[in-house]
Amino acid sequence: MEFFADYHTHTVYSDGGGTIEENARAAKEKGLEVLGITDHGPANIGVGVKNADTYLEIKEEIEAVRLKIPELKILCGAEANITGLDGAIDIPDNIVRKLDFLIVGLHPFVWGKSPADFLSIVAGNQLAPVSQSIREKVKVNNTKALIECIYKHKVFCISHPGLKMPVDIEELSRHCAARDTALEINTGHKYNKHELVVKALPAGVNFVVNSDAHFPDTVGRLLDGRLVLDRFNVPVDRVTNAR
């Protein structure tokens, strides 16, 4: 199995340590053909882009870098945040339409679209470890929010499902398969990727392996994902960025 793309990388526009061009040159050196620039949405407290219009600046800079590195396909995406239990995200539709693709994920510290959503998403997930009953309720809410989101938007993939915030992987996988939304195997974080694959595989959902690179030297660092896929004999046609 060989990966030709890394669709999830961050730059100095959010909390990354490299520029778009630095990420692109790193991707080229790794032999990648496609690179996604997906900076955090503005509701991600302390790490998101300044505002949604920043993606238009990113898109313009990508166009300039494409001229310097024409052999690499550079895509302008975003890692949007869930901001409401109804599946709301922190990037308006008029900006989403101008992106090449959209990644959506749950993050523990985001501004909710309402005080109630903030309490459910932030406070709820912080309290989840306190008791099993709270955790189960939070898992239901998290899963519902993601499912609502993929029916409202064309979502390329769900970023790091199950990382820090509990999700019903089986239920999410069924809906993602129906909506042609991939589940990400994220090599930039340590979490139970084996459980993710085991629970998701029967649903027929596709996977995508991404680095979630926050520095140029980790762009394209995808080996851990391949090892997980190989262990469970995931066919290559179920992996969006592999051949």
Protein backbone atom coordinates (compact mmCIF):
# COMPACT_ATOMS: atom_id res chain seq x y z
CA MET A 1 0.00 0.00 0.00
CA GLU A 2 1.38 3.36 -1.06
CA PHE A 3 0.02 6.77 -0.09
CA PHE A 4 -0.11 9.51 -2.70
CA ALA A 5 -1.74 12.26 -0.62
CA ASP A 6 -1.77 13.85 2.82
CA TYR A 7 -5.02 15.78 3.09
CA HIS A 8 -4.68 17.12 6.65
CA THR A 9 -1.91 19.61 7.43
CA HIS A 10 -1.76 22.91 9.32
CA THR A 11 0.20 26.11 8.75
CA VAL A 12 0.99 29.37 10.49
CA TYR A 13 -2.50 30.54 9.59
CA SER A 14 -3.71 28.49 12.58
CA ASP A 15 -1.46 26.60 15.00
CA GLY A 16 1.06 25.16 12.55
CA GLY A 17 4.74 25.98 12.54
CA GLY A 18 5.34 26.17 8.80
CA THR A 19 4.14 28.13 5.80
CA ILE A 20 2.10 26.73 2.95
CA GLU A 21 5.20 26.67 0.77
CA GLU A 22 7.23 24.87 3.44
CA ASN A 23 4.54 22.22 3.79
CA ALA A 24 4.37 21.89 0.02
CA ARG A 25 8.11 21.43 -0.38
CA ALA A 26 8.08 18.84 2.38
CA ALA A 27 5.27 16.98 0.61
CA LYS A 28 7.19 17.01 -2.64
CA GLU A 29 10.30 15.66 -0.92
CA LYS A 30 8.21 12.82 0.55
CA GLY A 31 7.04 11.89 -2.95
CA LEU A 32 3.43 12.94 -2.44
CA GLU A 33 1.29 14.01 -5.35
CA VAL A 34 -1.46 15.79 -3.41
CA LEU A 35 -1.32 18.03 -0.33
CA GLY A 36 -4.23 19.43 1.64
CA ILE A 37 -3.91 22.64 3.63
CA THR A 38 -6.57 22.43 6.34
CA ASP A 39 -6.16 25.03 9.03
CA HIS A 40 -8.41 24.97 12.10
CA GLY A 41 -11.74 26.74 11.98
CA PRO A 42 -12.09 30.03 13.87
CA ALA A 43 -14.10 28.60 16.79
CA ASN A 44 -11.17 26.48 17.96
CA ILE A 45 -10.15 28.49 21.00
CA GLY A 46 -6.60 29.83 20.79
CA VAL A 47 -5.60 27.88 17.68
CA GLY A 48 -8.11 28.62 14.93
CA VAL A 49 -7.77 30.99 11.99
CA LYS A 50 -8.55 34.63 12.72
CA ASN A 51 -11.92 34.44 10.97
CA ALA A 52 -13.56 32.50 8.16
CA ASP A 53 -12.37 34.97 5.51
CA THR A 54 -8.82 33.84 6.29
CA TYR A 55 -9.48 30.83 4.07
CA LEU A 56 -9.71 33.18 1.11
CA GLU A 57 -6.21 34.45 1.95
CA ILE A 58 -5.00 30.86 2.24
CA LYS A 59 -6.56 30.02 -1.12
CA GLU A 60 -4.80 32.98 -2.74
CA GLU A 61 -1.45 31.97 -1.28
CA ILE A 62 -1.94 28.39 -2.44
CA GLU A 63 -2.41 29.67 -5.99
CA ALA A 64 0.98 31.39 -5.77
CA VAL A 65 2.71 28.30 -4.36
CA ARG A 66 1.19 26.13 -7.09
CA LEU A 67 3.10 28.19 -9.64
CA LYS A 68 6.36 27.46 -7.79
CA ILE A 69 5.69 23.73 -7.38
CA PRO A 70 3.44 22.80 -10.33
CA GLU A 71 4.08 19.07 -9.99
CA LEU A 72 2.28 19.01 -6.61
CA LYS A 73 -1.50 19.33 -6.44
CA ILE A 74 -2.20 21.64 -3.48
CA LEU A 75 -5.77 21.78 -2.23
CA CYS A 76 -7.38 24.42 -0.06
CA GLY A 77 -9.44 22.80 2.65
CA ALA A 78 -10.34 23.42 6.27
CA GLU A 79 -10.68 21.46 9.48
CA ALA A 80 -14.00 22.83 10.66
CA ASN A 81 -15.22 22.48 14.23
CA ILE A 82 -18.56 21.16 15.36
CA THR A 83 -20.16 24.07 17.21
CA GLY A 84 -23.66 22.74 17.81
CA LEU A 85 -25.44 19.51 18.58
CA ASP A 86 -27.44 20.10 15.40
CA GLY A 87 -24.26 19.62 13.35
CA ALA A 88 -23.43 23.31 12.94
CA ILE A 89 -19.85 24.17 12.03
CA ASP A 90 -17.79 27.33 12.36
CA ILE A 91 -17.34 28.07 8.65
CA PRO A 92 -20.23 29.67 6.73
CA ASP A 93 -21.59 28.09 3.57
CA ASN A 94 -20.34 30.88 1.31
CA ILE A 95 -16.77 30.09 2.39
CA VAL A 96 -17.23 26.31 2.34
CA ARG A 97 -18.32 26.52 -1.29
CA LYS A 98 -14.97 28.10 -2.18
CA LEU A 99 -12.92 25.34 -0.57
CA ASP A 100 -11.67 22.29 -2.43
CA PHE A 101 -12.82 20.00 0.38
CA LEU A 102 -13.97 20.02 3.98
CA ILE A 103 -12.76 18.08 7.01
CA VAL A 104 -14.90 18.21 10.15
CA GLY A 105 -13.94 17.18 13.65
CA LEU A 106 -14.77 17.38 17.31
CA HIS A 107 -12.38 19.41 19.43
CA PRO A 108 -12.51 19.85 23.20
CA PHE A 109 -12.21 23.64 23.35
CA VAL A 110 -14.44 25.46 20.89
CA TRP A 111 -16.86 28.35 21.02
CA GLY A 112 -20.31 26.81 20.69
CA LYS A 113 -22.91 28.53 18.54
CA SER A 114 -24.97 29.02 21.72
CA PRO A 115 -24.29 28.84 25.47
CA ALA A 116 -26.14 25.51 25.59
CA ASP A 117 -23.98 24.09 22.81
CA PHE A 118 -20.84 25.34 24.53
CA LEU A 119 -21.86 23.54 27.71
CA SER A 120 -22.70 20.34 25.83
CA ILE A 121 -19.57 20.24 23.71
CA VAL A 122 -16.96 21.67 26.05
CA ALA A 123 -18.23 21.09 29.58
CA GLY A 124 -19.87 17.79 28.69
CA ASN A 125 -16.72 16.30 27.24
CA GLN A 126 -14.60 17.58 30.10
CA LEU A 127 -16.94 15.84 32.55
CA ALA A 128 -17.13 12.61 30.54
CA PRO A 129 -14.38 10.84 32.54
CA VAL A 130 -16.23 11.45 35.82
CA SER A 131 -18.78 8.68 35.37
CA GLN A 132 -19.90 6.09 32.84
CA SER A 133 -23.40 7.56 32.65
CA ILE A 134 -22.07 11.01 31.76
CA ARG A 135 -19.70 9.49 29.22
CA GLU A 136 -22.52 7.58 27.52
CA LYS A 137 -24.69 10.68 27.29
CA VAL A 138 -21.79 12.70 25.89
CA LYS A 139 -21.04 9.94 23.38
CA VAL A 140 -24.62 10.07 22.13
CA ASN A 141 -24.44 13.86 21.75
CA ASN A 142 -21.06 13.79 20.01
CA THR A 143 -22.19 11.11 17.58
CA LYS A 144 -25.46 12.88 16.82
CA ALA A 145 -23.66 16.16 16.11
CA LEU A 146 -21.28 14.52 13.63
CA ILE A 147 -24.06 12.64 11.87
CA GLU A 148 -26.19 15.78 11.60
CA CYS A 149 -23.19 17.58 10.15
CA ILE A 150 -22.47 15.13 7.35
CA TYR A 151 -26.08 15.38 6.18
CA LYS A 152 -25.88 19.19 6.16
CA HIS A 153 -22.51 19.45 4.41
CA LYS A 154 -20.43 17.53 1.90
CA VAL A 155 -17.71 16.34 4.29
CA PHE A 156 -14.62 14.66 2.88
CA CYS A 157 -13.66 13.05 6.19
CA ILE A 158 -14.17 13.11 9.93
CA SER A 159 -10.89 14.00 11.61
CA HIS A 160 -9.53 11.69 14.33
CA PRO A 161 -12.88 10.16 15.39
CA GLY A 162 -12.67 9.02 19.00
CA LEU A 163 -9.70 11.17 19.96
CA LYS A 164 -10.36 12.60 23.46
CA MET A 165 -14.10 12.86 22.76
CA PRO A 166 -16.15 9.63 22.78
CA VAL A 167 -18.06 8.65 19.65
CA ASP A 168 -20.18 5.64 18.69
CA ILE A 169 -17.94 4.47 15.85
CA GLU A 170 -20.35 1.82 14.53
CA GLU A 171 -23.24 4.27 14.28
CA LEU A 172 -21.10 7.02 12.79
CA SER A 173 -19.57 4.60 10.28
CA ARG A 174 -22.94 3.54 8.89
CA HIS A 175 -23.91 7.12 8.16
CA CYS A 176 -20.48 8.04 6.81
CA ALA A 177 -20.66 5.10 4.41
CA ALA A 178 -24.06 6.32 3.22
CA ARG A 179 -22.74 9.86 2.72
CA ASP A 180 -19.38 8.86 1.18
CA THR A 181 -17.53 10.51 4.06
CA ALA A 182 -14.27 8.84 5.09
CA LEU A 183 -13.06 8.22 8.61
CA GLU A 184 -9.57 9.50 9.27
CA ILE A 185 -6.75 7.43 10.68
CA ASN A 186 -4.68 10.22 12.15
CA THR A 187 -0.97 9.48 12.55
CA GLY A 188 -0.31 12.73 14.41
CA HIS A 189 -2.06 11.64 17.61
CA LYS A 190 -1.96 8.62 19.88
CA TYR A 191 -5.38 7.03 20.32
CA ASN A 192 -6.98 3.64 19.70
CA LYS A 193 -6.78 3.39 15.91
CA HIS A 194 -7.11 -0.40 16.05
CA GLU A 195 -10.52 -0.13 17.70
CA LEU A 196 -11.56 2.46 15.12
CA VAL A 197 -10.78 0.15 12.20
CA VAL A 198 -12.30 -2.96 13.79
CA LYS A 199 -15.57 -1.17 14.56
CA ALA A 200 -15.79 0.78 11.30
CA LEU A 201 -14.75 -1.84 8.76
CA PRO A 202 -18.02 -3.86 8.67
CA ALA A 203 -20.04 -0.75 7.79
CA GLY A 204 -18.31 -0.36 4.43
CA VAL A 205 -17.00 3.10 5.22
CA ASN A 206 -13.78 4.28 3.60
CA PHE A 207 -10.68 5.41 5.47
CA VAL A 208 -8.11 8.11 4.82
CA VAL A 209 -4.69 8.24 6.47
CA ASN A 210 -3.48 11.75 7.29
CA SER A 211 -0.58 13.19 9.25
CA ASP A 212 -2.35 16.15 10.87
CA ALA A 213 1.09 17.73 10.47
CA HIS A 214 1.70 20.91 12.42
CA PHE A 215 5.28 21.22 11.19
CA PRO A 216 6.70 20.64 7.70
CA ASP A 217 8.91 17.73 8.77
CA THR A 218 5.85 15.66 9.75
CA VAL A 219 3.98 16.19 6.47
CA GLY A 220 3.51 12.80 4.82
CA ARG A 221 4.45 10.83 7.92
CA LEU A 222 1.84 8.13 7.36
CA LEU A 223 3.56 4.82 8.15
CA ASP A 224 1.66 4.20 11.39
CA GLY A 225 -1.58 4.30 9.47
CA ARG A 226 -0.40 1.74 6.96
CA LEU A 227 0.61 -0.61 9.77
CA VAL A 228 -2.89 -0.41 11.23
CA LEU A 229 -4.52 -1.02 7.86
CA ASP A 230 -2.21 -3.94 7.10
CA ARG A 231 -2.88 -5.55 10.46
CA PHE A 232 -6.59 -5.76 9.72
CA ASN A 233 -6.22 -6.50 5.99
CA VAL A 234 -8.09 -3.40 4.91
CA PRO A 235 -8.29 -3.50 1.10
CA VAL A 236 -6.61 -0.66 -0.72
CA ASP A 237 -9.85 0.34 -2.43
CA ARG A 238 -11.23 1.27 1.00
CA VAL A 239 -8.42 3.80 1.54
CA THR A 240 -9.06 7.13 -0.17
CA ASN A 241 -5.43 8.21 -0.47
CA ALA A 242 -3.74 4.88 -1.22
CA ARG A 243 -3.08 2.61 -4.16
